[in-house]
PDB file of N, CA and C in Angstrom:
ATOM      1  N   MET A   1     106.732  59.241  59.027  1.00  0.00           N
ATOM      2  CA  MET A   1     106.229  60.606  59.123  1.00  0.00           C
ATOM      3  C   MET A   1     104.760  60.578  59.505  1.00  0.00           C
ATOM      4  N   LEU A   2     104.064  61.649  59.165  1.00  0.00           N
ATOM      5  CA  LEU A   2     102.664  61.767  59.536  1.00  0.00           C
ATOM      6  C   LEU A   2     101.768  61.276  58.411  1.00  0.00           C
ATOM      7  N   SER A   3     100.658  60.683  58.776  1.00  0.00           N
ATOM      8  CA  SER A   3      99.693  60.265  57.762  1.00  0.00           C
ATOM      9  C   SER A   3      98.913  61.482  57.289  1.00  0.00           C
ATOM     10  N   GLY A   4      98.055  61.328  56.292  1.00  0.00           N
ATOM     11  CA  GLY A   4      97.300  62.445  55.726  1.00  0.00           C
ATOM     12  C   GLY A   4      96.424  63.134  56.753  1.00  0.00           C
ATOM     13  N   LYS A   5      95.775  62.363  57.613  1.00  0.00           N
ATOM     14  CA  LYS A   5      94.889  62.931  58.638  1.00  0.00           C
ATOM     15  C   LYS A   5      95.699  63.713  59.673  1.00  0.00           C
ATOM     16  N   ASP A   6      96.842  63.143  60.095  1.00  0.00           N
ATOM     17  CA  ASP A   6      97.686  63.801  61.093  1.00  0.00           C
ATOM     18  C   ASP A   6      98.299  65.087  60.552  1.00  0.00           C
ATOM     19  N   SER A   7      98.739  65.089  59.296  1.00  0.00           N
ATOM     20  CA  SER A   7      99.339  66.299  58.726  1.00  0.00           C
ATOM     21  C   SER A   7      98.300  67.400  58.574  1.00  0.00           C
ATOM     22  N   GLN A   8      97.045  67.027  58.256  1.00  0.00           N
ATOM     23  CA  GLN A   8      95.976  68.027  58.154  1.00  0.00           C
ATOM     24  C   GLN A   8      95.677  68.599  59.537  1.00  0.00           C
ATOM     25  N   GLU A   9      95.714  67.747  60.563  1.00  0.00           N
ATOM     26  CA  GLU A   9      95.461  68.193  61.934  1.00  0.00           C
ATOM     27  C   GLU A   9      96.563  69.147  62.397  1.00  0.00           C
ATOM     28  N   VAL A  10      97.810  68.858  62.047  1.00  0.00           N
ATOM     29  CA  VAL A  10      98.932  69.721  62.418  1.00  0.00           C
ATOM     30  C   VAL A  10      98.820  71.058  61.709  1.00  0.00           C
ATOM     31  N   SER A  11      98.431  71.075  60.430  1.00  0.00           N
ATOM     32  CA  SER A  11      98.336  72.333  59.698  1.00  0.00           C
ATOM     33  C   SER A  11      97.184  73.193  60.197  1.00  0.00           C
ATOM     34  N   ASN A  12      96.132  72.591  60.748  1.00  0.00           N
ATOM     35  CA  ASN A  12      95.007  73.358  61.289  1.00  0.00           C
ATOM     36  C   ASN A  12      95.343  73.994  62.631  1.00  0.00           C
ATOM     37  N   ASN A  13      96.335  73.461  63.315  1.00  0.00           N
ATOM     38  CA  ASN A  13      96.715  73.995  64.623  1.00  0.00           C
ATOM     39  C   ASN A  13      97.580  75.231  64.435  1.00  0.00           C
ATOM     40  N   THR A  14      97.246  76.267  65.155  1.00  0.00           N
ATOM     41  CA  THR A  14      98.038  77.489  65.137  1.00  0.00           C
ATOM     42  C   THR A  14      98.509  77.777  66.543  1.00  0.00           C
ATOM     43  N   VAL A  15      99.194  78.875  66.700  1.00  0.00           N
ATOM     44  CA  VAL A  15      99.661  79.274  68.023  1.00  0.00           C
ATOM     45  C   VAL A  15      98.473  79.520  68.940  1.00  0.00           C
ATOM     46  N   PHE A  16      97.402  80.083  68.399  1.00  0.00           N
ATOM     47  CA  PHE A  16      96.251  80.424  69.230  1.00  0.00           C
ATOM     48  C   PHE A  16      95.518  79.182  69.716  1.00  0.00           C
ATOM     49  N   THR A  17      95.394  78.181  68.878  1.00  0.00           N
ATOM     50  CA  THR A  17      94.770  76.948  69.358  1.00  0.00           C
ATOM     51  C   THR A  17      95.676  76.263  70.367  1.00  0.00           C
ATOM     52  N   ASN A  18      96.974  76.390  70.175  1.00  0.00           N
ATOM     53  CA  ASN A  18      97.898  75.840  71.162  1.00  0.00           C
ATOM     54  C   ASN A  18      97.740  76.550  72.499  1.00  0.00           C
ATOM     55  N   MET A  19      97.596  77.878  72.449  1.00  0.00           N
ATOM     56  CA  MET A  19      97.428  78.644  73.684  1.00  0.00           C
ATOM     57  C   MET A  19      96.134  78.248  74.373  1.00  0.00           C
ATOM     58  N   MET A  20      95.055  78.087  73.611  1.00  0.00           N
ATOM     59  CA  MET A  20      93.780  77.719  74.208  1.00  0.00           C
ATOM     60  C   MET A  20      93.855  76.334  74.825  1.00  0.00           C
ATOM     61  N   SER A  21      94.580  75.438  74.210  1.00  0.00           N
ATOM     62  CA  SER A  21      94.686  74.097  74.775  1.00  0.00           C
ATOM     63  C   SER A  21      95.512  74.110  76.057  1.00  0.00           C
ATOM     64  N   ILE A  22      96.446  75.038  76.168  1.00  0.00           N
ATOM     65  CA  ILE A  22      97.221  75.148  77.402  1.00  0.00           C
ATOM     66  C   ILE A  22      96.363  75.776  78.492  1.00  0.00           C
ATOM     67  N   LEU A  23      95.560  76.784  78.130  1.00  0.00           N
ATOM     68  CA  LEU A  23      94.712  77.448  79.114  1.00  0.00           C
ATOM     69  C   LEU A  23      93.583  76.552  79.600  1.00  0.00           C
ATOM     70  N   LYS A  24      93.057  75.694  78.732  1.00  0.00           N
ATOM     71  CA  LYS A  24      91.967  74.785  79.103  1.00  0.00           C
ATOM     72  C   LYS A  24      92.425  73.347  78.861  1.00  0.00           C
ATOM     73  N   PRO A  25      93.211  72.800  79.783  1.00  0.00           N
ATOM     74  CA  PRO A  25      93.757  71.466  79.546  1.00  0.00           C
ATOM     75  C   PRO A  25      92.737  70.348  79.712  1.00  0.00           C
ATOM     76  N   SER A  26      91.526  70.653  80.178  1.00  0.00           N
ATOM     77  CA  SER A  26      90.538  69.604  80.397  1.00  0.00           C
ATOM     78  C   SER A  26      90.086  68.972  79.090  1.00  0.00           C
ATOM     79  N   ASN A  27      90.269  69.649  77.968  1.00  0.00           N
ATOM     80  CA  ASN A  27      89.880  69.097  76.676  1.00  0.00           C
ATOM     81  C   ASN A  27      90.757  67.917  76.284  1.00  0.00           C
ATOM     82  N   GLY A  28      91.902  67.793  76.901  1.00  0.00           N
ATOM     83  CA  GLY A  28      92.805  66.710  76.560  1.00  0.00           C
ATOM     84  C   GLY A  28      93.578  66.965  75.283  1.00  0.00           C
ATOM     85  N   PHE A  29      93.565  68.182  74.770  1.00  0.00           N
ATOM     86  CA  PHE A  29      94.264  68.520  73.533  1.00  0.00           C
ATOM     87  C   PHE A  29      95.499  69.323  73.891  1.00  0.00           C
ATOM     88  N   TRP A  30      96.660  68.777  73.654  1.00  0.00           N
ATOM     89  CA  TRP A  30      97.894  69.468  73.973  1.00  0.00           C
ATOM     90  C   TRP A  30      98.524  69.987  72.701  1.00  0.00           C
ATOM     91  N   PRO A  31      99.335  71.039  72.794  1.00  0.00           N
ATOM     92  CA  PRO A  31      99.900  71.637  71.582  1.00  0.00           C
ATOM     93  C   PRO A  31     100.755  70.647  70.799  1.00  0.00           C
ATOM     94  N   ILE A  32     100.542  70.672  69.508  1.00  0.00           N
ATOM     95  CA  ILE A  32     101.323  69.821  68.616  1.00  0.00           C
ATOM     96  C   ILE A  32     102.374  70.661  67.910  1.00  0.00           C
ATOM     97  N   ASN A  33     101.967  71.841  67.441  1.00  0.00           N
ATOM     98  CA  ASN A  33     102.853  72.714  66.688  1.00  0.00           C
ATOM     99  C   ASN A  33     103.369  73.802  67.622  1.00  0.00           C
ATOM    100  N   LEU A  34     104.643  73.806  67.902  1.00  0.00           N
ATOM    101  CA  LEU A  34     105.222  74.793  68.813  1.00  0.00           C
ATOM    102  C   LEU A  34     105.939  75.916  68.080  1.00  0.00           C
ATOM    103  N   ASP A  35     105.865  75.945  66.752  1.00  0.00           N
ATOM    104  CA  ASP A  35     106.529  76.983  65.970  1.00  0.00           C
ATOM    105  C   ASP A  35     105.651  78.221  65.891  1.00  0.00           C
ATOM    106  N   LEU A  36     106.253  79.372  66.089  1.00  0.00           N
ATOM    107  CA  LEU A  36     105.520  80.628  65.961  1.00  0.00           C
ATOM    108  C   LEU A  36     105.452  81.034  64.499  1.00  0.00           C
ATOM    109  N   PRO A  37     104.375  81.683  64.092  1.00  0.00           N
ATOM    110  CA  PRO A  37     104.284  82.121  62.697  1.00  0.00           C
ATOM    111  C   PRO A  37     105.286  83.229  62.417  1.00  0.00           C
ATOM    112  N   TYR A  38     105.705  83.352  61.171  1.00  0.00           N
ATOM    113  CA  TYR A  38     106.656  84.376  60.769  1.00  0.00           C
ATOM    114  C   TYR A  38     105.963  85.737  60.797  1.00  0.00           C
ATOM    115  N   PRO A  39     106.549  86.746  61.458  1.00  0.00           N
ATOM    116  CA  PRO A  39     105.884  88.054  61.518  1.00  0.00           C
ATOM    117  C   PRO A  39     105.861  88.716  60.143  1.00  0.00           C
ATOM    118  N   VAL A  40     104.676  89.123  59.735  1.00  0.00           N
ATOM    119  CA  VAL A  40     104.511  89.728  58.421  1.00  0.00           C
ATOM    120  C   VAL A  40     104.837  91.209  58.477  1.00  0.00           C
ATOM    121  N   TYR A  41     104.323  91.904  59.504  1.00  0.00           N
ATOM    122  CA  TYR A  41     104.526  93.340  59.596  1.00  0.00           C
ATOM    123  C   TYR A  41     104.726  93.704  61.055  1.00  0.00           C
ATOM    124  N   SER A  42     105.682  94.544  61.305  1.00  0.00           N
ATOM    125  CA  SER A  42     105.910  95.049  62.645  1.00  0.00           C
ATOM    126  C   SER A  42     106.230  96.526  62.544  1.00  0.00           C
ATOM    127  N   ALA A  43     105.550  97.341  63.360  1.00  0.00           N
ATOM    128  CA  ALA A  43     105.771  98.788  63.314  1.00  0.00           C
ATOM    129  C   ALA A  43     107.188  99.137  63.743  1.00  0.00           C
ATOM    130  N   LEU A  44     107.772  98.312  64.594  1.00  0.00           N
ATOM    131  CA  LEU A  44     109.113  98.607  65.081  1.00  0.00           C
ATOM    132  C   LEU A  44     110.180  98.287  64.038  1.00  0.00           C
ATOM    133  N   SER A  45     109.886  97.349  63.147  1.00  0.00           N
ATOM    134  CA  SER A  45     110.896  96.997  62.154  1.00  0.00           C
ATOM    135  C   SER A  45     110.926  97.972  60.987  1.00  0.00           C
ATOM    136  N   SER A  46     109.844  98.710  60.776  1.00  0.00           N
ATOM    137  CA  SER A  46     109.831  99.683  59.683  1.00  0.00           C
ATOM    138  C   SER A  46     110.326 101.036  60.189  1.00  0.00           C
ATOM    139  N   ASP A  47     110.280 102.027  59.337  1.00  0.00           N
ATOM    140  CA  ASP A  47     110.765 103.355  59.709  1.00  0.00           C
ATOM    141  C   ASP A  47     109.749 104.151  60.516  1.00  0.00           C
ATOM    142  N   GLU A  48     108.557 103.624  60.699  1.00  0.00           N
ATOM    143  CA  GLU A  48     107.541 104.338  61.460  1.00  0.00           C
ATOM    144  C   GLU A  48     107.905 104.330  62.938  1.00  0.00           C
ATOM    145  N   LYS A  49     107.557 105.405  63.619  1.00  0.00           N
ATOM    146  CA  LYS A  49     107.787 105.486  65.050  1.00  0.00           C
ATOM    147  C   LYS A  49     106.445 105.464  65.758  1.00  0.00           C
ATOM    148  N   LEU A  50     106.437 104.861  66.925  1.00  0.00           N
ATOM    149  CA  LEU A  50     105.213 104.837  67.713  1.00  0.00           C
ATOM    150  C   LEU A  50     104.958 106.222  68.286  1.00  0.00           C
ATOM    151  N   PRO A  51     103.695 106.626  68.412  1.00  0.00           N
ATOM    152  CA  PRO A  51     103.419 107.947  68.977  1.00  0.00           C
ATOM    153  C   PRO A  51     103.798 107.985  70.455  1.00  0.00           C
ATOM    154  N   SER A  52     104.354 109.101  70.874  1.00  0.00           N
ATOM    155  CA  SER A  52     104.780 109.255  72.258  1.00  0.00           C
ATOM    156  C   SER A  52     103.592 109.662  73.113  1.00  0.00           C
ATOM    157  N   ILE A  53     103.421 108.983  74.240  1.00  0.00           N
ATOM    158  CA  ILE A  53     102.325 109.327  75.140  1.00  0.00           C
ATOM    159  C   ILE A  53     102.805 110.243  76.265  1.00  0.00           C
ATOM    160  N   PHE A  54     104.108 110.493  76.322  1.00  0.00           N
ATOM    161  CA  PHE A  54     104.663 111.346  77.360  1.00  0.00           C
ATOM    162  C   PHE A  54     105.026 112.704  76.780  1.00  0.00           C
ATOM    163  N   GLU A  55     104.994 113.710  77.644  1.00  0.00           N
ATOM    164  CA  GLU A  55     105.381 115.045  77.211  1.00  0.00           C
ATOM    165  C   GLU A  55     106.891 115.092  77.000  1.00  0.00           C
ATOM    166  N   SER A  56     107.320 115.997  76.134  1.00  0.00           N
ATOM    167  CA  SER A  56     108.749 116.074  75.847  1.00  0.00           C
ATOM    168  C   SER A  56     109.537 116.594  77.051  1.00  0.00           C
ATOM    169  N   GLU A  57     108.958 117.514  77.813  1.00  0.00           N
ATOM    170  CA  GLU A  57     109.624 118.024  79.009  1.00  0.00           C
ATOM    171  C   GLU A  57     108.697 117.864  80.203  1.00  0.00           C
ATOM    172  N   PRO A  58     109.238 117.535  81.356  1.00  0.00           N
ATOM    173  CA  PRO A  58     108.379 117.412  82.533  1.00  0.00           C
ATOM    174  C   PRO A  58     107.824 118.773  82.946  1.00  0.00           C
ATOM    175  N   LYS A  59     106.654 118.763  83.580  1.00  0.00           N
ATOM    176  CA  LYS A  59     106.036 120.022  84.003  1.00  0.00           C
ATOM    177  C   LYS A  59     106.842 120.673  85.118  1.00  0.00           C
ATOM    178  N   LYS A  60     107.243 119.867  86.103  1.00  0.00           N
ATOM    179  CA  LYS A  60     108.001 120.401  87.227  1.00  0.00           C
ATOM    180  C   LYS A  60     109.490 120.275  86.919  1.00  0.00           C
ATOM    181  N   ARG A  61     110.174 121.377  86.978  1.00  0.00           N
ATOM    182  CA  ARG A  61     111.607 121.353  86.702  1.00  0.00           C
ATOM    183  C   ARG A  61     112.371 121.350  88.019  1.00  0.00           C
ATOM    184  N   CYS A  62     113.371 120.520  88.110  1.00  0.00           N
ATOM    185  CA  CYS A  62     114.211 120.467  89.296  1.00  0.00           C
ATOM    186  C   CYS A  62     115.279 121.543  89.196  1.00  0.00           C
ATOM    187  N   LYS A  63     115.712 122.021  90.359  1.00  0.00           N
ATOM    188  CA  LYS A  63     116.793 122.996  90.362  1.00  0.00           C
ATOM    189  C   LYS A  63     118.078 122.337  89.886  1.00  0.00           C
ATOM    190  N   LYS A  64     118.895 123.108  89.225  1.00  0.00           N
ATOM    191  CA  LYS A  64     120.168 122.586  88.745  1.00  0.00           C
ATOM    192  C   LYS A  64     121.243 122.800  89.801  1.00  0.00           C
ATOM    193  N   VAL A  65     122.164 121.876  89.871  1.00  0.00           N
ATOM    194  CA  VAL A  65     123.303 121.986  90.776  1.00  0.00           C
ATOM    195  C   VAL A  65     124.346 122.841  90.081  1.00  0.00           C
ATOM    196  N   THR A  66     124.664 124.002  90.677  1.00  0.00           N
ATOM    197  CA  THR A  66     125.619 124.904  90.038  1.00  0.00           C
ATOM    198  C   THR A  66     126.813 125.235  90.924  1.00  0.00           C
ATOM    199  N   ALA A  67     126.688 125.033  92.234  1.00  0.00           N
ATOM    200  CA  ALA A  67     127.757 125.460  93.130  1.00  0.00           C
ATOM    201  C   ALA A  67     128.773 124.359  93.425  1.00  0.00           C
ATOM    202  N   CYS A  68     128.604 123.194  92.859  1.00  0.00           N
ATOM    203  CA  CYS A  68     129.587 122.131  93.050  1.00  0.00           C
ATOM    204  C   CYS A  68     129.821 121.431  91.712  1.00  0.00           C
ATOM    205  N   PRO A  69     130.889 120.667  91.591  1.00  0.00           N
ATOM    206  CA  PRO A  69     131.200 120.044  90.299  1.00  0.00           C
ATOM    207  C   PRO A  69     130.289 118.875  89.927  1.00  0.00           C
ATOM    208  N   HIS A  70     129.420 118.432  90.822  1.00  0.00           N
ATOM    209  CA  HIS A  70     128.557 117.276  90.557  1.00  0.00           C
ATOM    210  C   HIS A  70     127.232 117.728  89.952  1.00  0.00           C
ATOM    211  N   PHE A  71     127.258 118.245  88.740  1.00  0.00           N
ATOM    212  CA  PHE A  71     126.063 118.824  88.133  1.00  0.00           C
ATOM    213  C   PHE A  71     125.043 117.765  87.716  1.00  0.00           C
ATOM    214  N   LEU A  72     125.429 116.496  87.659  1.00  0.00           N
ATOM    215  CA  LEU A  72     124.477 115.450  87.286  1.00  0.00           C
ATOM    216  C   LEU A  72     123.691 114.914  88.479  1.00  0.00           C
ATOM    217  N   ARG A  73     124.093 115.260  89.686  1.00  0.00           N
ATOM    218  CA  ARG A  73     123.387 114.772  90.870  1.00  0.00           C
ATOM    219  C   ARG A  73     122.175 115.636  91.182  1.00  0.00           C
ATOM    220  N   LYS A  74     121.321 115.120  92.053  1.00  0.00           N
ATOM    221  CA  LYS A  74     120.106 115.820  92.438  1.00  0.00           C
ATOM    222  C   LYS A  74     120.448 116.996  93.351  1.00  0.00           C
ATOM    223  N   HIS A  75     119.738 118.110  93.182  1.00  0.00           N
ATOM    224  CA  HIS A  75     119.937 119.306  93.995  1.00  0.00           C
ATOM    225  C   HIS A  75     119.507 119.021  95.426  1.00  0.00           C
ATOM    226  N   TYR A  76     120.278 119.473  96.400  1.00  0.00           N
ATOM    227  CA  TYR A  76     119.930 119.282  97.808  1.00  0.00           C
ATOM    228  C   TYR A  76     119.650 120.623  98.471  1.00  0.00           C
ATOM    229  N   ALA A  77     120.649 121.481  98.568  1.00  0.00           N
ATOM    230  CA  ALA A  77     120.477 122.801  99.168  1.00  0.00           C
ATOM    231  C   ALA A  77     121.625 123.696  98.725  1.00  0.00           C
ATOM    232  N   LYS A  78     121.364 124.994  98.679  1.00  0.00           N
ATOM    233  CA  LYS A  78     122.372 125.988  98.300  1.00  0.00           C
ATOM    234  C   LYS A  78     123.042 125.664  96.965  1.00  0.00           C
ATOM    235  N   ASN A  79     122.275 125.179  96.001  1.00  0.00           N
ATOM    236  CA  ASN A  79     122.778 124.814  94.673  1.00  0.00           C
ATOM    237  C   ASN A  79     123.910 123.796  94.730  1.00  0.00           C
ATOM    238  N   MET A  80     123.839 122.882  95.690  1.00  0.00           N
ATOM    239  CA  MET A  80     124.847 121.834  95.828  1.00  0.00           C
ATOM    240  C   MET A  80     124.160 120.482  95.934  1.00  0.00           C
ATOM    241  N   CYS A  81     124.912 119.441  95.646  1.00  0.00           N
ATOM    242  CA  CYS A  81     124.405 118.089  95.868  1.00  0.00           C
ATOM    243  C   CYS A  81     124.481 117.795  97.370  1.00  0.00           C
ATOM    244  N   ASN A  82     123.923 116.687  97.787  1.00  0.00           N
ATOM    245  CA  ASN A  82     123.863 116.327  99.202  1.00  0.00           C
ATOM    246  C   ASN A  82     125.257 116.224  99.813  1.00  0.00           C
ATOM    247  N   ASN A  83     126.171 115.566  99.110  1.00  0.00           N
ATOM    248  CA  ASN A  83     127.515 115.354  99.634  1.00  0.00           C
ATOM    249  C   ASN A  83     128.264 116.676  99.821  1.00  0.00           C
ATOM    250  N   CYS A  84     128.235 117.528  98.798  1.00  0.00           N
ATOM    251  CA  CYS A  84     128.964 118.796  98.881  1.00  0.00           C
ATOM    252  C   CYS A  84     128.338 119.731  99.911  1.00  0.00           C
ATOM    253  N   TYR A  85     127.002 119.710 100.037  1.00  0.00           N
ATOM    254  CA  TYR A  85     126.372 120.586 101.023  1.00  0.00           C
ATOM    255  C   TYR A  85     126.827 120.215 102.426  1.00  0.00           C
ATOM    256  N   HIS A  86     126.864 118.927 102.743  1.00  0.00           N
ATOM    257  CA  HIS A  86     127.247 118.539 104.097  1.00  0.00           C
ATOM    258  C   HIS A  86     128.732 118.748 104.366  1.00  0.00           C
ATOM    259  N   LYS A  87     129.540 118.835 103.320  1.00  0.00           N
ATOM    260  CA  LYS A  87     130.963 119.104 103.530  1.00  0.00           C
ATOM    261  C   LYS A  87     131.292 120.591 103.468  1.00  0.00           C
ATOM    262  N   LEU A  88     130.659 121.322 102.526  1.00  0.00           N
ATOM    263  CA  LEU A  88     131.067 122.700 102.270  1.00  0.00           C
ATOM    264  C   LEU A  88     129.974 123.742 102.493  1.00  0.00           C
ATOM    265  N   GLY A  89     128.730 123.336 102.471  1.00  0.00           N
ATOM    266  CA  GLY A  89     127.639 124.301 102.448  1.00  0.00           C
ATOM    267  C   GLY A  89     127.188 124.817 103.796  1.00  0.00           C
ATOM    268  N   ARG A  90     127.472 124.101 104.848  1.00  0.00           N
ATOM    269  CA  ARG A  90     127.013 124.549 106.167  1.00  0.00           C
ATOM    270  C   ARG A  90     127.987 125.582 106.715  1.00  0.00           C
ATOM    271  N   ASP A  91     127.441 126.638 107.295  1.00  0.00           N
ATOM    272  CA  ASP A  91     128.338 127.688 107.783  1.00  0.00           C
ATOM    273  C   ASP A  91     128.202 127.951 109.278  1.00  0.00           C
ATOM    274  N   LYS A  92     127.174 127.423 109.932  1.00  0.00           N
ATOM    275  CA  LYS A  92     127.048 127.611 111.378  1.00  0.00           C
ATOM    276  C   LYS A  92     127.978 126.661 112.113  1.00  0.00           C
ATOM    277  N   SER A  93     128.360 127.059 113.314  1.00  0.00           N
ATOM    278  CA  SER A  93     129.165 126.198 114.171  1.00  0.00           C
ATOM    279  C   SER A  93     128.278 125.600 115.253  1.00  0.00           C
ATOM    280  N   ALA A  94     128.704 124.476 115.792  1.00  0.00           N
ATOM    281  CA  ALA A  94     127.948 123.823 116.866  1.00  0.00           C
ATOM    282  C   ALA A  94     128.013 124.685 118.117  1.00  0.00           C
ATOM    283  N   TRP A  95     126.912 124.758 118.880  1.00  0.00           N
ATOM    284  CA  TRP A  95     126.889 125.582 120.090  1.00  0.00           C
ATOM    285  C   TRP A  95     126.458 124.797 121.327  1.00  0.00           C
ATOM    286  N   GLU A  96     125.941 123.579 121.176  1.00  0.00           N
ATOM    287  CA  GLU A  96     125.470 122.803 122.318  1.00  0.00           C
ATOM    288  C   GLU A  96     126.502 121.804 122.833  1.00  0.00           C
ATOM    289  N   CYS A  97     127.602 121.628 122.147  1.00  0.00           N
ATOM    290  CA  CYS A  97     128.626 120.685 122.599  1.00  0.00           C
ATOM    291  C   CYS A  97     129.956 121.422 122.738  1.00  0.00           C
ATOM    292  N   GLU A  98     130.953 120.709 123.224  1.00  0.00           N
ATOM    293  CA  GLU A  98     132.255 121.346 123.454  1.00  0.00           C
ATOM    294  C   GLU A  98     133.035 121.582 122.171  1.00  0.00           C
ATOM    295  N   HIS A  99     132.575 121.067 121.045  1.00  0.00           N
ATOM    296  CA  HIS A  99     133.277 121.226 119.769  1.00  0.00           C
ATOM    297  C   HIS A  99     132.740 122.441 119.023  1.00  0.00           C
ATOM    298  N   ILE A 100     132.992 123.620 119.549  1.00  0.00           N
ATOM    299  CA  ILE A 100     132.432 124.829 118.935  1.00  0.00           C
ATOM    300  C   ILE A 100     133.144 125.203 117.633  1.00  0.00           C
ATOM    301  N   ASN A 101     134.275 124.564 117.359  1.00  0.00           N
ATOM    302  CA  ASN A 101     134.981 124.851 116.106  1.00  0.00           C
ATOM    303  C   ASN A 101     134.496 123.959 114.956  1.00  0.00           C
ATOM    304  N   ARG A 102     133.618 122.987 115.230  1.00  0.00           N
ATOM    305  CA  ARG A 102     133.092 122.096 114.190  1.00  0.00           C
ATOM    306  C   ARG A 102     131.773 122.634 113.647  1.00  0.00           C
ATOM    307  N   LYS A 103     131.395 122.152 112.487  1.00  0.00           N
ATOM    308  CA  LYS A 103     130.160 122.586 111.832  1.00  0.00           C
ATOM    309  C   LYS A 103     128.942 122.028 112.564  1.00  0.00           C
ATOM    310  N   HIS A 104     127.873 122.810 112.569  1.00  0.00           N
ATOM    311  CA  HIS A 104     126.611 122.389 113.165  1.00  0.00           C
ATOM    312  C   HIS A 104     125.991 121.289 112.314  1.00  0.00           C
ATOM    313  N   TYR A 105     125.543 120.214 112.955  1.00  0.00           N
ATOM    314  CA  TYR A 105     124.907 119.107 112.236  1.00  0.00           C
ATOM    315  C   TYR A 105     123.403 119.088 112.509  1.00  0.00           C
ATOM    316  N   ALA A 106     123.014 118.944 113.780  1.00  0.00           N
ATOM    317  CA  ALA A 106     121.595 118.951 114.144  1.00  0.00           C
ATOM    318  C   ALA A 106     121.469 119.211 115.637  1.00  0.00           C
ATOM    319  N   LYS A 107     120.388 119.871 116.025  1.00  0.00           N
ATOM    320  CA  LYS A 107     120.083 120.166 117.431  1.00  0.00           C
ATOM    321  C   LYS A 107     121.236 120.872 118.131  1.00  0.00           C
ATOM    322  N   GLY A 108     121.973 121.699 117.417  1.00  0.00           N
ATOM    323  CA  GLY A 108     123.060 122.473 117.994  1.00  0.00           C
ATOM    324  C   GLY A 108     124.337 121.691 118.211  1.00  0.00           C
ATOM    325  N   LEU A 109     124.387 120.439 117.797  1.00  0.00           N
ATOM    326  CA  LEU A 109     125.542 119.583 118.032  1.00  0.00           C
ATOM    327  C   LEU A 109     126.328 119.371 116.740  1.00  0.00           C
ATOM    328  N   CYS A 110     127.585 118.989 116.903  1.00  0.00           N
ATOM    329  CA  CYS A 110     128.366 118.580 115.739  1.00  0.00           C
ATOM    330  C   CYS A 110     127.927 117.160 115.359  1.00  0.00           C
ATOM    331  N   GLN A 111     128.393 116.676 114.243  1.00  0.00           N
ATOM    332  CA  GLN A 111     127.934 115.375 113.759  1.00  0.00           C
ATOM    333  C   GLN A 111     128.319 114.248 114.711  1.00  0.00           C
ATOM    334  N   MET A 112     129.535 114.274 115.230  1.00  0.00           N
ATOM    335  CA  MET A 112     129.983 113.209 116.113  1.00  0.00           C
ATOM    336  C   MET A 112     129.165 113.176 117.408  1.00  0.00           C
ATOM    337  N   CYS A 113     128.933 114.336 118.006  1.00  0.00           N
ATOM    338  CA  CYS A 113     128.170 114.385 119.254  1.00  0.00           C
ATOM    339  C   CYS A 113     126.699 114.041 119.024  1.00  0.00           C
ATOM    340  N   TYR A 114     126.145 114.465 117.896  1.00  0.00           N
ATOM    341  CA  TYR A 114     124.750 114.145 117.601  1.00  0.00           C
ATOM    342  C   TYR A 114     124.568 112.638 117.461  1.00  0.00           C
ATOM    343  N   LEU A 115     125.458 111.983 116.713  1.00  0.00           N
ATOM    344  CA  LEU A 115     125.342 110.541 116.532  1.00  0.00           C
ATOM    345  C   LEU A 115     125.577 109.789 117.841  1.00  0.00           C
ATOM    346  N   LYS A 116     126.496 110.290 118.655  1.00  0.00           N
ATOM    347  CA  LYS A 116     126.745 109.674 119.958  1.00  0.00           C
ATOM    348  C   LYS A 116     125.497 109.780 120.830  1.00  0.00           C
ATOM    349  N   ASN A 117     124.889 110.960 120.854  1.00  0.00           N
ATOM    350  CA  ASN A 117     123.683 111.193 121.640  1.00  0.00           C
ATOM    351  C   ASN A 117     122.512 110.361 121.103  1.00  0.00           C
ATOM    352  N   TYR A 118     122.370 110.301 119.799  1.00  0.00           N
ATOM    353  CA  TYR A 118     121.281 109.558 119.157  1.00  0.00           C
ATOM    354  C   TYR A 118     121.385 108.066 119.465  1.00  0.00           C
ATOM    355  N   ASN A 119     122.583 107.505 119.308  1.00  0.00           N
ATOM    356  CA  ASN A 119     122.763 106.071 119.559  1.00  0.00           C
ATOM    357  C   ASN A 119     122.594 105.734 121.034  1.00  0.00           C
ATOM    358  N   PHE A 120     122.999 106.639 121.918  1.00  0.00           N
ATOM    359  CA  PHE A 120     122.833 106.414 123.351  1.00  0.00           C
ATOM    360  C   PHE A 120     121.352 106.393 123.717  1.00  0.00           C
ATOM    361  N   SER A 121     120.571 107.354 123.204  1.00  0.00           N
ATOM    362  CA  SER A 121     119.138 107.388 123.514  1.00  0.00           C
ATOM    363  C   SER A 121     118.414 106.193 122.886  1.00  0.00           C
ATOM    364  N   LYS A 122     118.856 105.751 121.743  1.00  0.00           N
ATOM    365  CA  LYS A 122     118.260 104.578 121.105  1.00  0.00           C
ATOM    366  C   LYS A 122     118.538 103.330 121.945  1.00  0.00           C
ATOM    367  N   HIS A 123     119.746 103.234 122.487  1.00  0.00           N
ATOM    368  CA  HIS A 123     120.117 102.102 123.335  1.00  0.00           C
ATOM    369  C   HIS A 123     119.293 102.103 124.620  1.00  0.00           C
ATOM    370  N   LEU A 124     119.040 103.278 125.197  1.00  0.00           N
ATOM    371  CA  LEU A 124     118.231 103.361 126.413  1.00  0.00           C
ATOM    372  C   LEU A 124     116.803 102.890 126.163  1.00  0.00           C
ATOM    373  N   ASN A 125     116.235 103.234 125.021  1.00  0.00           N
ATOM    374  CA  ASN A 125     114.878 102.792 124.698  1.00  0.00           C
ATOM    375  C   ASN A 125     114.801 101.278 124.565  1.00  0.00           C
ATOM    376  N   VAL A 126     115.836 100.650 124.033  1.00  0.00           N
ATOM    377  CA  VAL A 126     115.853  99.196 123.891  1.00  0.00           C
ATOM    378  C   VAL A 126     115.961  98.540 125.255  1.00  0.00           C
ATOM    379  N   VAL A 127     116.772  99.100 126.151  1.00  0.00           N
ATOM    380  CA  VAL A 127     116.962  98.538 127.486  1.00  0.00           C
ATOM    381  C   VAL A 127     115.675  98.669 128.300  1.00  0.00           C
ATOM    382  N   ARG A 128     114.964  99.787 128.178  1.00  0.00           N
ATOM    383  CA  ARG A 128     113.722 100.004 128.936  1.00  0.00           C
ATOM    384  C   ARG A 128     112.632  99.030 128.511  1.00  0.00           C
ATOM    385  N   ASN A 129     112.585  98.729 127.236  1.00  0.00           N
ATOM    386  CA  ASN A 129     111.532  97.825 126.740  1.00  0.00           C
ATOM    387  C   ASN A 129     111.950  96.420 126.962  1.00  0.00           C
TER     388      ASN A 129
END
């Protein structure tokens, strides 16, 4: 086991001296005792609660989704979530393409024609460069 001098040296070493020896290794003193001290008191282990630094309610309130069954999702438009609005909430028809019976998506086009036009123009920009 340890001699009297070594056991006294081990008992003098704490976690903090071990940390300092790790932070400044030039001293040539490396940690001997790797055991952490037993916690005497912890606010989390008792019935006390830590004070809250946040407000109980946020200042800005988001609109609630009421027109679709997805009330837990984020509001997008017309009291609907993003998915329901794009399926059910749009009421205009496309007028710039031949699909006048489809819903308007963007720039007067239906979704299929808009994406076709968008990808075609994107491809032209890549070819030009």
